[in-house]
Amino acid sequence: MKGISGLPQTPRHGGVQLSILQQLGIDPKLILVNILGFVLLLWILKKFLYGPITKMLADRAEQVRSTYEAAEAEKASMEQLRTDYERRLAGIEAEARQKIQTAIKEAQSVRDEIIADSRGRAEGILQRGQEELLREREKTLVALRQEVADLVIGASSRLIERSLDDAAHRKLVDDFISSVGKTK
């Protein structure tokens, strides 16, 4: 029997057209078994392949995240240490400058003390030299007076040809020297 479309019509069997499926070579039981096999395969893959792989990927992502966080924490710690180091270095530099300034001031103070001490010693040596010079001058003057007195006494006794005692001679010479010292 031919239908309106010109194709052979197949008898209906329980409301399903079995002849079209049979003509195409499709077995509905085989399709159902394939669908069940595919669902079972999906469940097995999910349970034993996708599940562990997904868990492994999640664990790896967590490990990467924790490593990243640890690296960030370490970076922050290193930044803090660098800041502390720079602060301490600046403090050390300031302290070193202060110590250098203190050492320079102490050196200048010691230099001033040494110069003052040297000047005091030089003045003392000069003072003692002048005093020694005055003593030597006085000694020389006394010795010179004594010698002049002896020469004058000798010359006077020859000139006068009279004899005076030694004390009178000395008095006469001292008077003479005193009068000579006053005229100068």
Protein backbone atom coordinates (compact mmCIF):
# COMPACT_ATOMS: atom_id res chain seq x y z
CA MET A 1 0.00 0.00 0.00
CA LYS A 2 1.09 3.34 -1.03
CA GLY A 3 0.30 6.41 0.91
CA ILE A 4 -0.28 9.96 -0.11
CA SER A 5 3.32 10.77 -0.38
CA GLY A 6 4.05 7.82 -2.57
CA LEU A 7 6.05 6.02 0.05
CA PRO A 8 5.01 2.66 1.17
CA GLN A 9 3.11 2.78 4.41
CA THR A 10 3.98 0.50 7.22
CA PRO A 11 1.45 -0.93 9.55
CA ARG A 12 1.35 0.60 12.97
CA HIS A 13 2.28 -1.67 15.72
CA GLY A 14 1.26 -0.38 19.15
CA GLY A 15 1.47 3.23 18.03
CA VAL A 16 5.17 3.09 17.06
CA GLN A 17 6.32 2.84 13.60
CA LEU A 18 8.68 -0.10 13.76
CA SER A 19 9.18 -0.41 10.10
CA ILE A 20 11.00 2.93 9.72
CA LEU A 21 13.45 2.00 12.49
CA GLN A 22 13.86 -1.43 10.97
CA GLN A 23 14.29 0.00 7.51
CA LEU A 24 17.01 2.28 8.83
CA GLY A 25 18.64 -0.63 10.64
CA ILE A 26 18.18 0.82 14.11
CA ASP A 27 17.43 -1.52 16.95
CA PRO A 28 15.70 0.32 19.84
CA LYS A 29 17.08 -2.13 22.40
CA LEU A 30 20.59 -1.50 21.15
CA ILE A 31 20.06 2.26 21.44
CA LEU A 32 18.84 1.85 25.01
CA VAL A 33 21.86 -0.33 25.89
CA ASN A 34 24.19 2.23 24.27
CA ILE A 35 22.56 5.07 26.24
CA LEU A 36 22.89 3.10 29.49
CA GLY A 37 26.52 2.21 28.63
CA PHE A 38 27.29 5.85 27.88
CA VAL A 39 25.71 7.00 31.17
CA LEU A 40 27.63 4.29 33.02
CA LEU A 41 30.86 5.33 31.26
CA LEU A 42 30.25 8.96 32.20
CA TRP A 43 29.64 7.98 35.83
CA ILE A 44 32.83 5.81 35.91
CA LEU A 45 34.91 8.55 34.26
CA LYS A 46 33.57 11.12 36.68
CA LYS A 47 34.17 8.88 39.70
CA PHE A 48 37.62 7.59 38.79
CA LEU A 49 39.10 10.07 36.28
CA TYR A 50 37.48 13.50 36.40
CA GLY A 51 37.03 13.47 40.19
CA PRO A 52 40.70 12.76 41.03
CA ILE A 53 41.90 15.09 38.28
CA THR A 54 39.55 17.82 39.51
CA LYS A 55 40.71 17.21 43.10
CA MET A 56 44.36 17.26 41.99
CA LEU A 57 43.80 20.52 40.08
CA ALA A 58 42.01 22.05 43.09
CA ASP A 59 44.87 20.93 45.40
CA ARG A 60 47.44 22.34 42.99
CA ALA A 61 45.51 25.63 42.76
CA GLU A 62 45.43 25.77 46.58
CA GLN A 63 49.16 25.04 46.73
CA VAL A 64 49.89 27.76 44.18
CA ARG A 65 47.65 30.20 46.08
CA SER A 66 49.35 29.38 49.42
CA THR A 67 52.80 29.68 47.80
CA TYR A 68 51.80 33.02 46.33
CA GLU A 69 50.50 34.21 49.70
CA ALA A 70 53.71 33.02 51.39
CA ALA A 71 55.75 34.85 48.76
CA GLU A 72 53.70 38.02 49.32
CA ALA A 73 54.17 37.69 53.10
CA GLU A 74 57.90 37.14 52.60
CA LYS A 75 58.04 40.15 50.29
CA ALA A 76 56.29 42.29 52.92
CA SER A 77 58.66 40.97 55.57
CA MET A 78 61.69 41.73 53.40
CA GLU A 79 60.34 45.22 52.71
CA GLN A 80 59.96 45.77 56.46
CA LEU A 81 63.51 44.50 57.06
CA ARG A 82 64.82 46.78 54.31
CA THR A 83 63.03 49.75 55.86
CA ASP A 84 64.43 48.88 59.29
CA TYR A 85 67.90 48.45 57.79
CA GLU A 86 67.72 51.82 56.04
CA ARG A 87 66.47 53.47 59.24
CA ARG A 88 69.27 51.91 61.29
CA LEU A 89 71.81 52.81 58.63
CA ALA A 90 70.66 56.43 58.70
CA GLY A 91 70.92 56.36 62.51
CA ILE A 92 74.43 54.93 62.32
CA GLU A 93 75.44 57.58 59.78
CA ALA A 94 74.06 60.33 62.01
CA GLU A 95 75.84 58.85 65.02
CA ALA A 96 79.09 58.60 63.05
CA ARG A 97 78.79 62.24 61.96
CA GLN A 98 78.16 63.23 65.56
CA LYS A 99 81.18 61.24 66.77
CA ILE A 100 83.34 62.81 64.08
CA GLN A 101 82.18 66.28 65.11
CA THR A 102 82.87 65.44 68.77
CA ALA A 103 86.32 64.11 67.88
CA ILE A 104 87.08 67.26 65.87
CA LYS A 105 86.00 69.45 68.81
CA GLU A 106 88.10 67.39 71.22
CA ALA A 107 91.09 67.58 68.87
CA GLN A 108 90.71 71.35 68.61
CA SER A 109 90.43 71.58 72.39
CA VAL A 110 93.55 69.44 72.86
CA ARG A 111 95.35 71.51 70.24
CA ASP A 112 94.39 74.73 72.04
CA GLU A 113 95.56 73.25 75.36
CA ILE A 114 98.86 72.16 73.82
CA ILE A 115 99.38 75.59 72.26
CA ALA A 116 98.51 77.33 75.53
CA ASP A 117 100.79 74.97 77.47
CA SER A 118 103.60 75.52 74.94
CA ARG A 119 103.18 79.28 75.14
CA GLY A 120 103.20 79.10 78.94
CA ARG A 121 106.35 76.99 78.90
CA ALA A 122 107.98 79.29 76.35
CA GLU A 123 107.11 82.32 78.47
CA GLY A 124 108.45 80.52 81.54
CA ILE A 125 111.67 79.61 79.73
CA LEU A 126 111.96 83.19 78.46
CA GLN A 127 111.29 84.53 81.95
CA ARG A 128 113.91 82.21 83.48
CA GLY A 129 116.33 83.15 80.71
CA GLN A 130 115.82 86.85 81.42
CA GLU A 131 116.21 86.26 85.15
CA GLU A 132 119.35 84.20 84.51
CA LEU A 133 120.63 86.94 82.23
CA LEU A 134 120.02 89.54 84.94
CA ARG A 135 121.81 87.37 87.53
CA GLU A 136 124.73 86.83 85.17
CA ARG A 137 124.81 90.56 84.48
CA GLU A 138 124.84 91.31 88.18
CA LYS A 139 127.59 88.73 88.72
CA THR A 140 129.54 90.18 85.83
CA LEU A 141 129.05 93.71 87.17
CA VAL A 142 130.17 92.63 90.65
CA ALA A 143 133.19 90.81 89.17
CA LEU A 144 133.92 93.79 86.93
CA ARG A 145 133.69 96.18 89.86
CA GLN A 146 135.99 93.97 91.83
CA GLU A 147 138.52 93.88 89.02
CA VAL A 148 138.22 97.60 88.32
CA ALA A 149 138.61 98.23 92.01
CA ASP A 150 141.73 96.09 92.09
CA LEU A 151 143.13 97.88 89.04
CA VAL A 152 142.27 101.29 90.41
CA ILE A 153 143.83 100.45 93.76
CA GLY A 154 146.98 99.25 92.01
CA ALA A 155 147.09 102.30 89.79
CA SER A 156 146.27 104.66 92.64
CA SER A 157 148.91 103.26 94.90
CA ARG A 158 151.52 103.72 92.20
CA LEU A 159 150.36 107.21 91.49
CA ILE A 160 150.03 108.41 94.98
CA GLU A 161 152.95 106.49 96.31
CA ARG A 162 151.56 106.59 99.58
CA SER A 163 150.06 103.72 101.18
CA LEU A 164 146.53 103.50 102.24
CA ASP A 165 145.03 100.54 103.85
CA ASP A 166 143.00 98.13 101.80
CA ALA A 167 139.60 99.22 103.26
CA ALA A 168 140.24 102.84 102.42
CA HIS A 169 141.21 101.83 98.90
CA ARG A 170 138.05 99.91 98.46
CA LYS A 171 135.94 102.81 99.72
CA LEU A 172 137.68 105.15 97.36
CA VAL A 173 137.15 102.76 94.38
CA ASP A 174 133.46 102.16 95.26
CA ASP A 175 132.90 105.90 95.42
CA PHE A 176 134.62 106.29 92.07
CA ILE A 177 132.58 103.51 90.45
CA SER A 178 129.37 104.89 91.89
CA SER A 179 130.16 108.31 90.50
CA VAL A 180 131.00 106.77 87.10
CA GLY A 181 127.70 104.70 87.15
CA LYS A 182 125.69 107.89 87.91
CA THR A 183 127.18 109.82 85.05
CA LYS A 184 126.26 107.12 82.56
